Amino acid sequence: MSAQTTSATLKESVRDAQLDPWPIAAEQVIEGDPQARGMILWKSADGTLANGIWECTPGTFSWVHPNETLVLVDGEVAVTPEGGDSFTIRPGDVVFFPEGTKSVWQVTRTIRKGFHLHSAGGLGL
C-alpha cells in the first residue's frame, strides 16, 4: 500500500503488512547489519504528520527522532536516549519520543512497530 493523503479510514495489519526496504544510513550503524523495512500508511498533505509500520533486524544504530509515538508488536529493543537511562521496549509497549531525541537502538530480536510521527518543520517523507 502506498502512502495516502486522504480522509478515508485506512487499515493495515502491523504484523502482516508487506514492507519496502528503508535502509539505515551506514554512518548510523554502530554494530551488526540492521536491515530496516517500512511503509507509510498515511501522511498529511503538508508533510508534518505520518503514520505507518516499521521493522528492523538485529543490530545497533543511532537515531534522531521526530515526535514519535510507537507501539511494538514483535521483537525486543534496548533504547538509550542521549544523557538518559537505557530501557527495553517489548511487544505491547507504547512509547513516546519527543522531537530531537537522540538515542541508540540495540535490536536483539527483529522488531515490528506501528508508529505516528509529527514534526512542525516537516518529515521529509
Protein backbone atom coordinates (compact mmCIF):
# COMPACT_ATOMS: atom_id res chain seq x y z
CA MET A 1 0.00 0.00 0.00
CA SER A 2 1.40 3.41 -0.90
CA ALA A 3 1.18 6.45 1.35
CA GLN A 4 -2.12 8.25 1.07
CA THR A 5 -3.26 11.74 1.92
CA THR A 6 -6.94 11.02 2.36
CA SER A 7 -9.75 11.48 4.81
CA ALA A 8 -10.84 7.86 4.30
CA THR A 9 -10.39 5.29 7.04
CA LEU A 10 -7.34 3.12 6.35
CA LYS A 11 -6.50 -0.28 7.85
CA GLU A 12 -3.38 -2.43 7.63
CA SER A 13 -2.12 -5.39 9.69
CA VAL A 14 1.04 -4.33 11.55
CA ARG A 15 2.21 -7.95 11.71
CA ASP A 16 1.38 -8.94 8.11
CA ALA A 17 1.93 -5.78 6.04
CA GLN A 18 4.30 -6.03 3.08
CA LEU A 19 7.13 -3.58 3.74
CA ASP A 20 9.63 -1.85 1.45
CA PRO A 21 13.37 -1.58 2.15
CA TRP A 22 14.19 1.50 4.26
CA PRO A 23 17.96 1.26 4.69
CA ILE A 24 19.58 2.69 7.79
CA ALA A 25 22.39 5.03 6.75
CA ALA A 26 25.81 3.39 7.13
CA GLU A 27 27.05 6.25 9.35
CA GLN A 28 24.26 5.46 11.85
CA VAL A 29 25.14 1.76 12.18
CA ILE A 30 27.21 1.07 15.30
CA GLU A 31 27.26 -2.73 15.29
CA GLY A 32 25.92 -5.57 13.17
CA ASP A 33 23.93 -5.22 9.97
CA PRO A 34 20.45 -3.98 10.93
CA GLN A 35 18.08 -4.14 7.97
CA ALA A 36 15.00 -1.90 8.13
CA ARG A 37 11.80 -2.06 6.12
CA GLY A 38 8.68 0.04 6.36
CA MET A 39 5.63 1.62 4.85
CA ILE A 40 3.77 4.88 5.27
CA LEU A 41 0.07 4.20 5.69
CA TRP A 42 -0.95 7.87 5.71
CA LYS A 43 0.69 11.29 5.64
CA SER A 44 -0.72 14.78 5.85
CA ALA A 45 -0.75 16.94 2.73
CA ASP A 46 1.72 19.37 4.36
CA GLY A 47 4.13 16.56 5.28
CA THR A 48 4.15 17.27 9.03
CA LEU A 49 2.25 14.13 10.14
CA ALA A 50 2.53 10.49 9.11
CA ASN A 51 1.83 7.01 10.38
CA GLY A 52 2.88 3.58 9.29
CA ILE A 53 4.71 0.38 10.05
CA TRP A 54 8.44 -0.27 10.52
CA GLU A 55 10.57 -3.37 11.06
CA CYS A 56 14.27 -3.85 11.83
CA THR A 57 16.52 -6.90 12.19
CA PRO A 58 19.10 -7.20 14.99
CA GLY A 59 21.90 -4.66 15.21
CA THR A 60 22.79 -1.38 16.90
CA PHE A 61 22.33 2.09 15.40
CA SER A 62 21.90 5.74 16.34
CA TRP A 63 18.64 7.60 15.70
CA VAL A 64 17.27 11.15 15.94
CA HIS A 65 13.51 11.23 16.43
CA PRO A 66 10.72 13.50 15.28
CA ASN A 67 7.83 13.48 17.76
CA GLU A 68 7.05 9.78 17.62
CA THR A 69 4.53 7.54 19.33
CA LEU A 70 5.05 3.84 18.69
CA VAL A 71 3.60 0.52 19.75
CA LEU A 72 5.82 -2.53 19.45
CA VAL A 73 4.07 -5.69 18.28
CA ASP A 74 7.07 -8.03 17.81
CA GLY A 75 10.67 -8.35 18.99
CA GLU A 76 12.72 -6.54 21.58
CA VAL A 77 14.95 -3.46 21.58
CA ALA A 78 17.00 -1.66 24.22
CA VAL A 79 16.93 2.12 23.70
CA THR A 80 19.39 4.51 25.31
CA PRO A 81 18.42 8.18 24.98
CA GLU A 82 21.38 10.58 24.99
CA GLY A 83 22.00 11.56 28.62
CA GLY A 84 19.35 9.13 29.87
CA ASP A 85 18.93 5.61 31.16
CA SER A 86 18.51 2.61 28.88
CA PHE A 87 15.11 0.94 28.76
CA THR A 88 13.73 -2.09 26.93
CA ILE A 89 10.71 -1.99 24.63
CA ARG A 90 8.75 -5.24 24.33
CA PRO A 91 5.57 -6.29 22.48
CA GLY A 92 2.59 -4.34 23.76
CA ASP A 93 4.64 -1.36 24.97
CA VAL A 94 3.69 2.15 23.83
CA VAL A 95 6.47 4.75 23.84
CA PHE A 96 6.67 8.47 23.03
CA PHE A 97 9.90 10.18 21.90
CA PRO A 98 9.93 14.00 21.82
CA GLU A 99 11.27 15.64 18.67
CA GLY A 100 15.05 15.91 18.66
CA THR A 101 15.63 12.95 20.99
CA LYS A 102 18.96 11.32 20.11
CA SER A 103 19.17 7.66 21.01
CA VAL A 104 20.95 4.39 20.38
CA TRP A 105 18.79 1.39 19.48
CA GLN A 106 20.09 -2.11 20.16
CA VAL A 107 17.72 -4.54 18.47
CA THR A 108 18.14 -8.02 19.96
CA ARG A 109 15.15 -9.70 18.24
CA THR A 110 13.63 -8.41 14.99
CA ILE A 111 11.17 -5.66 15.89
CA ARG A 112 7.99 -4.51 14.19
CA LYS A 113 6.12 -1.40 15.28
CA GLY A 114 3.22 0.80 14.33
CA PHE A 115 4.08 4.49 14.56
CA HIS A 116 2.75 8.04 14.37
CA LEU A 117 5.17 10.89 13.55
CA HIS A 118 4.90 14.67 13.83
CA SER A 119 7.36 17.42 13.02
CA ALA A 120 6.34 21.06 12.64
CA GLY A 121 9.25 21.53 10.22
CA GLY A 122 8.13 18.63 8.01
CA LEU A 123 9.13 14.99 7.99
CA GLY A 124 10.78 14.84 4.58
CA LEU A 125 8.78 11.77 3.55
